[in-house]
Protein backbone atom coordinates (compact mmCIF):
# COMPACT_ATOMS: atom_id res chain seq x y z
CA MET A 1 23.52 2.91 0.34
CA GLU A 2 20.27 2.87 -1.67
CA ASN A 3 20.50 -0.92 -1.93
CA MET A 4 20.74 -1.04 1.84
CA ILE A 5 17.57 1.01 2.16
CA GLU A 6 15.80 -1.16 -0.39
CA ARG A 7 16.80 -4.31 1.53
CA MET A 8 15.41 -2.80 4.72
CA LEU A 9 12.14 -1.90 3.04
CA LEU A 10 11.70 -5.30 1.51
CA ALA A 11 12.74 -7.15 4.65
CA GLY A 12 9.23 -8.03 5.73
CA ALA A 13 5.72 -6.91 6.41
CA GLY A 14 7.05 -4.06 8.54
CA VAL A 15 7.39 -2.09 5.32
CA ILE A 16 3.64 -1.74 5.13
CA ALA A 17 3.33 -0.35 8.65
CA LEU A 18 6.38 1.91 8.50
CA THR A 19 5.75 4.93 10.69
CA LYS A 20 7.84 8.05 10.97
CA GLU A 21 9.07 6.91 14.37
CA LYS A 22 10.15 3.51 13.01
CA ALA A 23 11.88 5.13 10.03
CA GLU A 24 13.71 7.50 12.35
CA LYS A 25 14.82 4.59 14.56
CA ILE A 26 16.10 2.63 11.55
CA VAL A 27 18.05 5.64 10.30
CA ASP A 28 19.32 6.44 13.83
CA ASP A 29 20.71 2.91 14.04
CA LEU A 30 22.41 3.33 10.66
CA VAL A 31 23.93 6.64 11.79
CA LYS A 32 25.24 4.98 14.97
CA LYS A 33 26.81 2.22 12.86
CA GLY A 34 28.41 4.85 10.65
CA GLU A 35 26.56 3.69 7.53
CA ILE A 36 24.82 7.05 7.06
CA ALA A 37 26.13 10.52 7.81
CA LYS A 38 24.22 12.44 10.48
CA LYS A 39 23.58 15.29 8.01
CA ASP A 40 21.85 12.85 5.61
CA GLN A 41 19.50 11.52 8.30
CA PRO A 42 16.39 13.59 7.39
CA LYS A 43 16.77 12.72 3.70
CA PHE A 44 16.91 8.99 4.45
CA VAL A 45 13.92 9.13 6.79
CA LYS A 46 11.92 10.87 4.07
CA LYS A 47 13.04 8.33 1.48
CA LEU A 48 12.10 5.39 3.73
CA LEU A 49 8.64 6.85 4.31
CA GLU A 50 8.11 7.50 0.58
CA ARG A 51 9.18 3.98 -0.33
CA GLY A 52 6.91 2.55 2.38
CA LYS A 53 3.98 4.53 0.99
CA ASP A 54 4.76 3.43 -2.58
CA THR A 55 4.93 -0.19 -1.43
CA ARG A 56 1.57 0.12 0.34
CA VAL A 57 -0.04 1.55 -2.79
CA GLU A 58 1.38 -1.28 -4.93
CA ILE A 59 0.20 -3.94 -2.47
CA GLU A 60 -3.27 -2.40 -2.30
CA ALA A 61 -3.51 -2.45 -6.10
CA ILE A 62 -2.44 -6.09 -6.22
CA ILE A 63 -4.98 -7.05 -3.56
CA GLU A 64 -7.77 -5.16 -5.32
CA LYS A 65 -6.97 -6.82 -8.64
CA THR A 66 -6.78 -10.25 -7.02
CA MET A 67 -10.11 -9.77 -5.22
CA THR A 68 -11.77 -8.64 -8.45
CA ASN A 69 -10.46 -11.74 -10.23
CA VAL A 70 -11.68 -14.02 -7.44
CA LEU A 71 -15.14 -12.43 -7.44
CA ASN A 72 -15.34 -12.75 -11.22
CA LYS A 73 -14.32 -16.42 -11.11
CA LEU A 74 -16.89 -17.14 -8.42
CA ASN A 75 -19.48 -15.20 -10.40
CA ILE A 76 -20.35 -13.08 -7.37
CA PRO A 77 -22.02 -9.79 -8.28
CA THR A 78 -20.23 -6.62 -7.29
CA LYS A 79 -21.85 -3.61 -5.63
CA THR A 80 -21.87 -1.94 -9.06
CA ASP A 81 -23.73 -4.94 -10.52
CA ILE A 82 -26.29 -4.85 -7.72
CA ASP A 83 -26.73 -1.08 -8.02
CA ALA A 84 -27.36 -1.45 -11.77
CA LEU A 85 -29.99 -4.12 -11.11
CA MET A 86 -31.67 -1.92 -8.49
CA LYS A 87 -31.89 0.93 -11.02
CA LYS A 88 -33.47 -1.43 -13.56
CA ILE A 89 -35.95 -2.67 -10.97
CA ASP A 90 -36.85 0.91 -10.00
CA HIS A 91 -37.25 1.83 -13.66
CA LEU A 92 -39.52 -1.16 -14.33
CA ALA A 93 -41.56 -0.46 -11.18
CA LYS A 94 -42.16 3.12 -12.33
CA LYS A 95 -43.45 1.89 -15.70
CA LYS A 96 -46.35 0.06 -14.08
């Protein structure tokens, strides 16, 4: 049964936008098909939502890392770089 849930979660971009209502609908359909017992329904909804959240966090981390790598390769300064330069400029301006 867990493999079935994993397949559903990995079945497309819908995993990222999984809402409680969508999770409940998926589990309702599985209950109707007899693949999940009615008493286990809340547990499976919770598990789907947790896995969706975990997947979102993983994807966000991958995107952030990729964007950082792209910016570094293009030699584009980050906000942190610009803020550091602004502090140096302010410091030098105060010395005069």
